Amino acid sequence: MMLIPVKNNVKIAVYDPNPQGREAVVLVHGWPLAAKMFEYQERRLVNGGYRVVTLDLRGFGRSDAPGWGYTYDSMADDLYRVVCRMNLRRFTLAGFSMGGAVALRYMRRFQGYGVKKLALLSAAAPRFTQTADFPYGQPIAQADDLIWQAKTDRAQLAQDFSRMLLYSPHSEAIQDWFRDIALEASGIGTVNAAISLRDEDGREDLQCVRVPTGIFHGRQDRVVPFVLAEIQHETIAHSQLYPFEKSGHGIVYDELDLFNRRFLEFLREDHGG
């Protein structure tokens, strides 16, 4: 692990277990988790010769937890500074849930600097919540409930969220593992990032993607409905939609072997980019 300073000397925890890998894959976690959630992808990718870079977003995992900077713009800025500091070029950027929304904001804010492919994994995009002109996603009242629970009983929130992640049968131990990752987050980061999840609108972000894009989404997702993946696919040119029939929101684990196989196939495909 290394700590990379970004704006105002906030330090972002970055993990780079195979710096000599032939090409880089950058994985961005979702709310309220951390880079640890990609354990079962990291090993496969490293064994396949890839350089795998993961990071804990501010307020999560081992990164600093300042009292500000939890907008998508700020988190995309942090990602850009990590990319520049590590001199990453022609890499695949993959974002899970809120991390997918942050990855899309990076694509717009920095014109996709360095990115040759984009992977959206259960991405909370273009919006997590419904509005009058966007009747998809979660009701705002449900997001308000999450924020209130994060403020008043974050331990129960982590427990409940870990049980919503997976659709297929899995052990209590793996569900507890996701809960424990969520509990490692700061209270500040959990609450403030949830506010961004509720309020941010990334519809313009989708219009700015100019690289081959894979959209990986579970049809049984109770957190980010599958219709959002269909909207992403319809809006992003040259995108491919990979539906998973027996996966919920936790797509990186629900159908683990199938997901890893399809993700590796996406990385290996020549998309002409």
C-alpha atoms as a PDB file:
ATOM      1  CA  MET A   1       0.000   0.000   0.000  1.00  0.00           C
ATOM      2  CA  MET A   2       1.070   3.568  -0.678  1.00  0.00           C
ATOM      3  CA  LEU A   3      -0.493   6.859   0.370  1.00  0.00           C
ATOM      4  CA  ILE A   4      -0.764   9.363  -2.475  1.00  0.00           C
ATOM      5  CA  PRO A   5      -1.434  13.011  -1.574  1.00  0.00           C
ATOM      6  CA  VAL A   6      -4.155  14.782  -3.538  1.00  0.00           C
ATOM      7  CA  LYS A   7      -5.678  18.239  -3.098  1.00  0.00           C
ATOM      8  CA  ASN A   8      -5.169  19.833   0.335  1.00  0.00           C
ATOM      9  CA  ASN A   9      -2.746  16.993   1.153  1.00  0.00           C
ATOM     10  CA  VAL A  10      -5.552  14.473   1.656  1.00  0.00           C
ATOM     11  CA  LYS A  11      -3.937  11.045   1.313  1.00  0.00           C
ATOM     12  CA  ILE A  12      -5.487   8.303  -0.793  1.00  0.00           C
ATOM     13  CA  ALA A  13      -4.574   4.657  -0.094  1.00  0.00           C
ATOM     14  CA  VAL A  14      -3.494   2.894  -3.296  1.00  0.00           C
ATOM     15  CA  TYR A  15      -2.626  -0.765  -3.821  1.00  0.00           C
ATOM     16  CA  ASP A  16      -0.408  -1.952  -6.680  1.00  0.00           C
ATOM     17  CA  PRO A  17       0.587  -5.615  -6.121  1.00  0.00           C
ATOM     18  CA  ASN A  18       1.984  -6.245  -9.617  1.00  0.00           C
ATOM     19  CA  PRO A  19       3.598  -3.029 -10.918  1.00  0.00           C
ATOM     20  CA  GLN A  20       5.375  -4.949 -13.684  1.00  0.00           C
ATOM     21  CA  GLY A  21       2.114  -6.202 -15.189  1.00  0.00           C
ATOM     22  CA  ARG A  22       1.709  -5.940 -18.944  1.00  0.00           C
ATOM     23  CA  GLU A  23      -1.272  -3.565 -18.829  1.00  0.00           C
ATOM     24  CA  ALA A  24      -3.097  -1.808 -16.039  1.00  0.00           C
ATOM     25  CA  VAL A  25      -6.620  -2.256 -14.719  1.00  0.00           C
ATOM     26  CA  VAL A  26      -7.822   0.390 -12.251  1.00  0.00           C
ATOM     27  CA  LEU A  27     -10.670  -0.730  -9.978  1.00  0.00           C
ATOM     28  CA  VAL A  28     -12.821   1.815  -8.114  1.00  0.00           C
ATOM     29  CA  HIS A  29     -15.024   0.516  -5.295  1.00  0.00           C
ATOM     30  CA  GLY A  30     -18.537   1.590  -4.389  1.00  0.00           C
ATOM     31  CA  TRP A  31     -20.343   2.909  -1.324  1.00  0.00           C
ATOM     32  CA  PRO A  32     -19.879   2.043   1.526  1.00  0.00           C
ATOM     33  CA  LEU A  33     -17.095  -0.424   0.742  1.00  0.00           C
ATOM     34  CA  ALA A  34     -13.360  -0.212  -0.051  1.00  0.00           C
ATOM     35  CA  ALA A  35     -10.726  -1.656  -2.377  1.00  0.00           C
ATOM     36  CA  LYS A  36     -10.841  -4.941  -0.438  1.00  0.00           C
ATOM     37  CA  MET A  37     -14.088  -5.799  -2.197  1.00  0.00           C
ATOM     38  CA  PHE A  38     -12.060  -6.680  -5.326  1.00  0.00           C
ATOM     39  CA  GLU A  39     -10.022  -9.417  -3.613  1.00  0.00           C
ATOM     40  CA  TYR A  40     -11.440 -12.141  -5.848  1.00  0.00           C
ATOM     41  CA  GLN A  41     -10.716 -10.160  -9.013  1.00  0.00           C
ATOM     42  CA  GLU A  42      -7.290  -8.872  -7.984  1.00  0.00           C
ATOM     43  CA  ARG A  43      -5.780 -12.340  -7.602  1.00  0.00           C
ATOM     44  CA  ARG A  44      -7.153 -13.578 -10.933  1.00  0.00           C
ATOM     45  CA  LEU A  45      -5.930 -10.491 -12.752  1.00  0.00           C
ATOM     46  CA  VAL A  46      -2.470 -10.553 -11.188  1.00  0.00           C
ATOM     47  CA  ASN A  47      -2.157 -14.243 -12.061  1.00  0.00           C
ATOM     48  CA  GLY A  48      -3.137 -13.315 -15.603  1.00  0.00           C
ATOM     49  CA  GLY A  49      -0.251 -10.866 -15.842  1.00  0.00           C
ATOM     50  CA  TYR A  50      -2.188  -7.625 -15.356  1.00  0.00           C
ATOM     51  CA  ARG A  51      -1.138  -4.681 -13.270  1.00  0.00           C
ATOM     52  CA  VAL A  52      -4.043  -4.180 -10.871  1.00  0.00           C
ATOM     53  CA  VAL A  53      -4.377  -0.795  -9.192  1.00  0.00           C
ATOM     54  CA  THR A  54      -7.066  -0.359  -6.555  1.00  0.00           C
ATOM     55  CA  LEU A  55      -7.692   2.585  -4.285  1.00  0.00           C
ATOM     56  CA  ASP A  56      -9.800   3.486  -1.295  1.00  0.00           C
ATOM     57  CA  LEU A  57     -11.886   6.550  -2.067  1.00  0.00           C
ATOM     58  CA  ARG A  58     -11.557   9.349   0.467  1.00  0.00           C
ATOM     59  CA  GLY A  59     -13.394   8.484   3.656  1.00  0.00           C
ATOM     60  CA  PHE A  60     -13.197   4.740   3.010  1.00  0.00           C
ATOM     61  CA  GLY A  61     -10.734   1.965   3.782  1.00  0.00           C
ATOM     62  CA  ARG A  62      -7.309   3.330   4.714  1.00  0.00           C
ATOM     63  CA  SER A  63      -7.643   6.687   2.969  1.00  0.00           C
ATOM     64  CA  ASP A  64      -7.955   9.943   4.874  1.00  0.00           C
ATOM     65  CA  ALA A  65     -11.439  11.038   5.857  1.00  0.00           C
ATOM     66  CA  PRO A  66     -11.607  14.831   5.640  1.00  0.00           C
ATOM     67  CA  GLY A  67     -14.824  16.645   6.406  1.00  0.00           C
ATOM     68  CA  TRP A  68     -15.279  17.741   2.791  1.00  0.00           C
ATOM     69  CA  GLY A  69     -14.798  16.565  -0.778  1.00  0.00           C
ATOM     70  CA  TYR A  70     -17.332  13.761  -1.271  1.00  0.00           C
ATOM     71  CA  THR A  71     -18.821  15.061  -4.498  1.00  0.00           C
ATOM     72  CA  TYR A  72     -18.266  13.088  -7.679  1.00  0.00           C
ATOM     73  CA  ASP A  73     -16.100  15.946  -8.968  1.00  0.00           C
ATOM     74  CA  SER A  74     -13.804  15.735  -5.940  1.00  0.00           C
ATOM     75  CA  MET A  75     -13.545  11.956  -6.043  1.00  0.00           C
ATOM     76  CA  ALA A  76     -12.862  12.041  -9.793  1.00  0.00           C
ATOM     77  CA  ASP A  77     -10.148  14.629  -9.097  1.00  0.00           C
ATOM     78  CA  ASP A  78      -8.589  12.253  -6.558  1.00  0.00           C
ATOM     79  CA  LEU A  79      -8.637   9.484  -9.148  1.00  0.00           C
ATOM     80  CA  TYR A  80      -6.977  11.742 -11.722  1.00  0.00           C
ATOM     81  CA  ARG A  81      -4.181  12.631  -9.318  1.00  0.00           C
ATOM     82  CA  VAL A  82      -3.593   8.950  -8.568  1.00  0.00           C
ATOM     83  CA  VAL A  83      -3.481   8.151 -12.298  1.00  0.00           C
ATOM     84  CA  CYS A  84      -0.975  10.955 -12.930  1.00  0.00           C
ATOM     85  CA  ARG A  85       1.180  10.122  -9.925  1.00  0.00           C
ATOM     86  CA  MET A  86       1.419   6.486 -11.049  1.00  0.00           C
ATOM     87  CA  ASN A  87       1.980   7.469 -14.684  1.00  0.00           C
ATOM     88  CA  LEU A  88      -0.785   5.162 -15.911  1.00  0.00           C
ATOM     89  CA  ARG A  89      -1.392   5.050 -19.674  1.00  0.00           C
ATOM     90  CA  ARG A  90      -3.854   3.073 -21.799  1.00  0.00           C
ATOM     91  CA  PHE A  91      -5.488   1.352 -18.851  1.00  0.00           C
ATOM     92  CA  THR A  92      -8.926  -0.129 -18.290  1.00  0.00           C
ATOM     93  CA  LEU A  93     -10.967   1.826 -15.757  1.00  0.00           C
ATOM     94  CA  ALA A  94     -13.585  -0.216 -13.895  1.00  0.00           C
ATOM     95  CA  GLY A  95     -15.998   1.228 -11.342  1.00  0.00           C
ATOM     96  CA  PHE A  96     -18.486  -0.567  -9.105  1.00  0.00           C
ATOM     97  CA  SER A  97     -21.771   1.079  -8.063  1.00  0.00           C
ATOM     98  CA  MET A  98     -20.905   4.637  -6.903  1.00  0.00           C
ATOM     99  CA  GLY A  99     -17.398   3.939  -8.202  1.00  0.00           C
ATOM    100  CA  GLY A 100     -18.948   3.522 -11.645  1.00  0.00           C
ATOM    101  CA  ALA A 101     -20.516   6.965 -11.351  1.00  0.00           C
ATOM    102  CA  VAL A 102     -17.147   8.393 -10.252  1.00  0.00           C
ATOM    103  CA  ALA A 103     -15.456   6.687 -13.215  1.00  0.00           C
ATOM    104  CA  LEU A 104     -17.994   8.270 -15.567  1.00  0.00           C
ATOM    105  CA  ARG A 105     -17.381  11.687 -14.009  1.00  0.00           C
ATOM    106  CA  TYR A 106     -13.651  11.111 -14.595  1.00  0.00           C
ATOM    107  CA  MET A 107     -14.405  10.418 -18.254  1.00  0.00           C
ATOM    108  CA  ARG A 108     -16.186  13.777 -18.605  1.00  0.00           C
ATOM    109  CA  ARG A 109     -14.032  15.905 -16.313  1.00  0.00           C
ATOM    110  CA  PHE A 110     -10.685  14.695 -17.695  1.00  0.00           C
ATOM    111  CA  GLN A 111     -11.743  13.607 -21.187  1.00  0.00           C
ATOM    112  CA  GLY A 112     -11.009  10.005 -20.257  1.00  0.00           C
ATOM    113  CA  TYR A 113      -7.317  10.727 -19.701  1.00  0.00           C
ATOM    114  CA  GLY A 114      -5.336   7.497 -20.122  1.00  0.00           C
ATOM    115  CA  VAL A 115      -8.401   5.247 -20.399  1.00  0.00           C
ATOM    116  CA  LYS A 116      -8.572   2.795 -23.294  1.00  0.00           C
ATOM    117  CA  LYS A 117     -11.593   0.821 -22.009  1.00  0.00           C
ATOM    118  CA  LEU A 118     -14.285   1.457 -19.429  1.00  0.00           C
ATOM    119  CA  ALA A 119     -16.115  -1.176 -17.376  1.00  0.00           C
ATOM    120  CA  LEU A 120     -19.251  -0.272 -15.424  1.00  0.00           C
ATOM    121  CA  LEU A 121     -20.028  -2.806 -12.704  1.00  0.00           C
ATOM    122  CA  SER A 122     -23.507  -2.425 -11.196  1.00  0.00           C
ATOM    123  CA  ALA A 123     -22.919   1.271 -11.813  1.00  0.00           C
ATOM    124  CA  ALA A 124     -25.133   3.748  -9.958  1.00  0.00           C
ATOM    125  CA  ALA A 125     -25.490   5.825 -13.105  1.00  0.00           C
ATOM    126  CA  PRO A 126     -26.679   8.057 -14.527  1.00  0.00           C
ATOM    127  CA  ARG A 127     -28.621   8.727 -11.293  1.00  0.00           C
ATOM    128  CA  PHE A 128     -29.078   6.660  -8.155  1.00  0.00           C
ATOM    129  CA  THR A 129     -32.406   8.326  -7.333  1.00  0.00           C
ATOM    130  CA  GLN A 130     -35.571   9.277  -9.154  1.00  0.00           C
ATOM    131  CA  THR A 131     -36.584  12.782 -10.230  1.00  0.00           C
ATOM    132  CA  ALA A 132     -39.602  14.196 -12.038  1.00  0.00           C
ATOM    133  CA  ASP A 133     -37.844  13.734 -15.384  1.00  0.00           C
ATOM    134  CA  PHE A 134     -36.004  10.522 -14.459  1.00  0.00           C
ATOM    135  CA  PRO A 135     -38.427   7.936 -13.023  1.00  0.00           C
ATOM    136  CA  TYR A 136     -35.792   5.245 -12.477  1.00  0.00           C
ATOM    137  CA  GLY A 137     -33.483   4.266  -9.632  1.00  0.00           C
ATOM    138  CA  GLN A 138     -34.425   4.503  -5.958  1.00  0.00           C
ATOM    139  CA  PRO A 139     -37.009   6.892  -4.488  1.00  0.00           C
ATOM    140  CA  ILE A 140     -35.313   9.863  -2.832  1.00  0.00           C
ATOM    141  CA  ALA A 141     -37.057   8.959   0.422  1.00  0.00           C
ATOM    142  CA  GLN A 142     -35.230   5.617   0.429  1.00  0.00           C
ATOM    143  CA  ALA A 143     -31.889   7.393   0.006  1.00  0.00           C
ATOM    144  CA  ASP A 144     -32.873   9.706   2.848  1.00  0.00           C
ATOM    145  CA  ASP A 145     -33.465   6.642   5.012  1.00  0.00           C
ATOM    146  CA  LEU A 146     -29.967   5.358   4.200  1.00  0.00           C
ATOM    147  CA  ILE A 147     -28.453   8.702   5.152  1.00  0.00           C
ATOM    148  CA  TRP A 148     -30.391   8.801   8.416  1.00  0.00           C
ATOM    149  CA  GLN A 149     -29.348   5.260   9.271  1.00  0.00           C
ATOM    150  CA  ALA A 150     -25.711   6.112   8.476  1.00  0.00           C
ATOM    151  CA  LYS A 151     -25.983   9.006  10.926  1.00  0.00           C
ATOM    152  CA  THR A 152     -27.692   7.053  13.687  1.00  0.00           C
ATOM    153  CA  ASP A 153     -26.872   3.320  13.400  1.00  0.00           C
ATOM    154  CA  ARG A 154     -24.094   2.761  10.877  1.00  0.00           C
ATOM    155  CA  ALA A 155     -23.452  -0.728  12.239  1.00  0.00           C
ATOM    156  CA  GLN A 156     -26.979  -1.811  11.322  1.00  0.00           C
ATOM    157  CA  LEU A 157     -26.661  -0.098   7.945  1.00  0.00           C
ATOM    158  CA  ALA A 158     -23.539  -2.148   7.171  1.00  0.00           C
ATOM    159  CA  GLN A 159     -25.342  -5.315   8.271  1.00  0.00           C
ATOM    160  CA  ASP A 160     -28.418  -4.601   6.168  1.00  0.00           C
ATOM    161  CA  PHE A 161     -26.442  -3.544   3.115  1.00  0.00           C
ATOM    162  CA  SER A 162     -24.310  -6.678   3.163  1.00  0.00           C
ATOM    163  CA  ARG A 163     -27.487  -8.762   3.075  1.00  0.00           C
ATOM    164  CA  MET A 164     -28.848  -6.797   0.096  1.00  0.00           C
ATOM    165  CA  LEU A 165     -25.697  -7.201  -1.992  1.00  0.00           C
ATOM    166  CA  LEU A 166     -26.043 -10.831  -3.009  1.00  0.00           C
ATOM    167  CA  TYR A 167     -28.889 -12.692  -4.722  1.00  0.00           C
ATOM    168  CA  SER A 168     -27.510 -16.212  -5.077  1.00  0.00           C
ATOM    169  CA  PRO A 169     -27.023 -18.295  -1.914  1.00  0.00           C
ATOM    170  CA  HIS A 170     -23.722 -17.603  -0.148  1.00  0.00           C
ATOM    171  CA  SER A 171     -22.274 -18.223   3.281  1.00  0.00           C
ATOM    172  CA  GLU A 172     -22.962 -16.008   6.262  1.00  0.00           C
ATOM    173  CA  ALA A 173     -19.210 -15.559   6.456  1.00  0.00           C
ATOM    174  CA  ILE A 174     -18.942 -13.871   3.047  1.00  0.00           C
ATOM    175  CA  GLN A 175     -21.864 -11.597   3.884  1.00  0.00           C
ATOM    176  CA  ASP A 176     -20.148 -10.706   7.151  1.00  0.00           C
ATOM    177  CA  TRP A 177     -16.963  -9.997   5.193  1.00  0.00           C
ATOM    178  CA  PHE A 178     -18.758  -7.359   3.128  1.00  0.00           C
ATOM    179  CA  ARG A 179     -20.280  -5.955   6.339  1.00  0.00           C
ATOM    180  CA  ASP A 180     -16.849  -5.672   7.927  1.00  0.00           C
ATOM    181  CA  ILE A 181     -15.450  -3.839   4.910  1.00  0.00           C
ATOM    182  CA  ALA A 182     -18.317  -1.350   5.180  1.00  0.00           C
ATOM    183  CA  LEU A 183     -17.634  -0.862   8.885  1.00  0.00           C
ATOM    184  CA  GLU A 184     -14.028   0.121   8.115  1.00  0.00           C
ATOM    185  CA  ALA A 185     -15.309   3.269   6.421  1.00  0.00           C
ATOM    186  CA  SER A 186     -15.470   6.543   8.303  1.00  0.00           C
ATOM    187  CA  GLY A 187     -18.803   7.890   9.439  1.00  0.00           C
ATOM    188  CA  ILE A 188     -18.026  11.139   7.627  1.00  0.00           C
ATOM    189  CA  GLY A 189     -17.353   9.389   4.336  1.00  0.00           C
ATOM    190  CA  THR A 190     -20.358   7.072   4.636  1.00  0.00           C
ATOM    191  CA  VAL A 191     -22.807   9.915   5.241  1.00  0.00           C
ATOM    192  CA  ASN A 192     -21.390  12.479   2.821  1.00  0.00           C
ATOM    193  CA  ALA A 193     -20.903  10.021  -0.052  1.00  0.00           C
ATOM    194  CA  ALA A 194     -24.493   8.830   0.477  1.00  0.00           C
ATOM    195  CA  ILE A 195     -25.642  12.438   0.081  1.00  0.00           C
ATOM    196  CA  SER A 196     -23.797  12.561  -3.243  1.00  0.00           C
ATOM    197  CA  LEU A 197     -25.404   9.272  -4.273  1.00  0.00           C
ATOM    198  CA  ARG A 198     -28.795  10.835  -3.599  1.00  0.00           C
ATOM    199  CA  ASP A 199     -28.173  14.186  -5.269  1.00  0.00           C
ATOM    200  CA  GLU A 200     -25.657  13.786  -8.112  1.00  0.00           C
ATOM    201  CA  ASP A 201     -26.825  13.650 -11.722  1.00  0.00           C
ATOM    202  CA  GLY A 202     -24.515  11.993 -14.239  1.00  0.00           C
ATOM    203  CA  ARG A 203     -26.597  12.103 -17.391  1.00  0.00           C
ATOM    204  CA  GLU A 204     -24.084  14.391 -19.099  1.00  0.00           C
ATOM    205  CA  ASP A 205     -21.283  12.033 -18.065  1.00  0.00           C
ATOM    206  CA  LEU A 206     -22.724   9.215 -20.174  1.00  0.00           C
ATOM    207  CA  GLN A 207     -22.562  11.421 -23.252  1.00  0.00           C
ATOM    208  CA  CYS A 208     -18.801  11.919 -22.830  1.00  0.00           C
ATOM    209  CA  VAL A 209     -17.634   8.309 -23.058  1.00  0.00           C
ATOM    210  CA  ARG A 210     -15.583   7.746 -26.209  1.00  0.00           C
ATOM    211  CA  VAL A 211     -13.959   4.385 -25.476  1.00  0.00           C
ATOM    212  CA  PRO A 212     -15.209   0.780 -25.721  1.00  0.00           C
ATOM    213  CA  THR A 213     -17.368   0.148 -22.664  1.00  0.00           C
ATOM    214  CA  GLY A 214     -18.537  -3.021 -20.958  1.00  0.00           C
ATOM    215  CA  ILE A 215     -21.657  -2.780 -18.781  1.00  0.00           C
ATOM    216  CA  PHE A 216     -21.856  -5.635 -16.253  1.00  0.00           C
ATOM    217  CA  HIS A 217     -25.089  -5.767 -14.278  1.00  0.00           C
ATOM    218  CA  GLY A 218     -27.185  -8.274 -12.348  1.00  0.00           C
ATOM    219  CA  ARG A 219     -30.804  -8.649 -13.344  1.00  0.00           C
ATOM    220  CA  GLN A 220     -31.712  -9.217  -9.671  1.00  0.00           C
ATOM    221  CA  ASP A 221     -30.079  -6.003  -8.446  1.00  0.00           C
ATOM    222  CA  ARG A 222     -32.199  -4.486  -5.640  1.00  0.00           C
ATOM    223  CA  VAL A 223     -29.875  -1.521  -5.084  1.00  0.00           C
ATOM    224  CA  VAL A 224     -29.294  -0.248  -8.640  1.00  0.00           C
ATOM    225  CA  PRO A 225     -32.105  -1.572 -10.854  1.00  0.00           C
ATOM    226  CA  PHE A 226     -31.174  -3.292 -14.119  1.00  0.00           C
ATOM    227  CA  VAL A 227     -33.010  -0.609 -16.104  1.00  0.00           C
ATOM    228  CA  LEU A 228     -30.131   1.756 -15.336  1.00  0.00           C
ATOM    229  CA  ALA A 229     -27.751  -0.612 -17.119  1.00  0.00           C
ATOM    230  CA  GLU A 230     -30.064  -0.546 -20.126  1.00  0.00           C
ATOM    231  CA  ILE A 231     -30.007   3.258 -20.104  1.00  0.00           C
ATOM    232  CA  GLN A 232     -26.209   3.216 -19.931  1.00  0.00           C
ATOM    233  CA  HIS A 233     -26.100   0.809 -22.869  1.00  0.00           C
ATOM    234  CA  GLU A 234     -28.515   2.896 -24.951  1.00  0.00           C
ATOM    235  CA  THR A 235     -26.602   6.111 -24.287  1.00  0.00           C
ATOM    236  CA  ILE A 236     -22.950   5.039 -24.521  1.00  0.00           C
ATOM    237  CA  ALA A 237     -21.857   4.391 -28.078  1.00  0.00           C
ATOM    238  CA  HIS A 238     -19.879   1.199 -28.716  1.00  0.00           C
ATOM    239  CA  SER A 239     -20.950  -0.309 -25.397  1.00  0.00           C
ATOM    240  CA  GLN A 240     -21.621  -3.970 -24.669  1.00  0.00           C
ATOM    241  CA  LEU A 241     -24.149  -5.105 -22.068  1.00  0.00           C
ATOM    242  CA  TYR A 242     -23.295  -8.202 -20.039  1.00  0.00           C
ATOM    243  CA  PRO A 243     -26.401  -9.238 -18.049  1.00  0.00           C
ATOM    244  CA  PHE A 244     -26.076 -11.712 -15.174  1.00  0.00           C
ATOM    245  CA  GLU A 245     -29.287 -13.613 -14.606  1.00  0.00           C
ATOM    246  CA  LYS A 246     -28.568 -14.810 -11.045  1.00  0.00           C
ATOM    247  CA  SER A 247     -26.694 -11.789  -9.684  1.00  0.00           C
ATOM    248  CA  GLY A 248     -27.811  -8.971  -7.466  1.00  0.00           C
ATOM    249  CA  HIS A 249     -25.875  -5.789  -6.781  1.00  0.00           C
ATOM    250  CA  GLY A 250     -22.723  -7.588  -5.644  1.00  0.00           C
ATOM    251  CA  ILE A 251     -21.882  -8.628  -9.174  1.00  0.00           C
ATOM    252  CA  VAL A 252     -18.193  -9.182  -8.432  1.00  0.00           C
ATOM    253  CA  TYR A 253     -19.072 -12.103  -6.156  1.00  0.00           C
ATOM    254  CA  ASP A 254     -22.630 -13.339  -6.800  1.00  0.00           C
ATOM    255  CA  GLU A 255     -21.722 -15.439  -9.869  1.00  0.00           C
ATOM    256  CA  LEU A 256     -18.018 -15.219  -9.186  1.00  0.00           C
ATOM    257  CA  ASP A 257     -16.567 -17.553 -11.810  1.00  0.00           C
ATOM    258  CA  LEU A 258     -18.888 -16.296 -14.531  1.00  0.00           C
ATOM    259  CA  PHE A 259     -18.166 -12.659 -13.746  1.00  0.00           C
ATOM    260  CA  ASN A 260     -14.407 -13.163 -13.674  1.00  0.00           C
ATOM    261  CA  ARG A 261     -14.502 -15.067 -16.938  1.00  0.00           C
ATOM    262  CA  ARG A 262     -16.565 -12.424 -18.734  1.00  0.00           C
ATOM    263  CA  PHE A 263     -14.518  -9.584 -17.295  1.00  0.00           C
ATOM    264  CA  LEU A 264     -11.274 -11.195 -18.467  1.00  0.00           C
ATOM    265  CA  GLU A 265     -12.795 -11.760 -21.896  1.00  0.00           C
ATOM    266  CA  PHE A 266     -13.691  -8.060 -22.054  1.00  0.00           C
ATOM    267  CA  LEU A 267     -10.147  -7.092 -21.128  1.00  0.00           C
ATOM    268  CA  ARG A 268      -8.660  -9.379 -23.769  1.00  0.00           C
ATOM    269  CA  GLU A 269     -10.967  -8.434 -26.621  1.00  0.00           C
ATOM    270  CA  ASP A 270      -9.624  -6.171 -29.333  1.00  0.00           C
ATOM    271  CA  HIS A 271     -12.207  -3.398 -29.545  1.00  0.00           C
ATOM    272  CA  GLY A 272     -10.271  -1.454 -32.106  1.00  0.00           C
ATOM    273  CA  GLY A 273      -9.310   1.216 -29.568  1.00  0.00           C
END
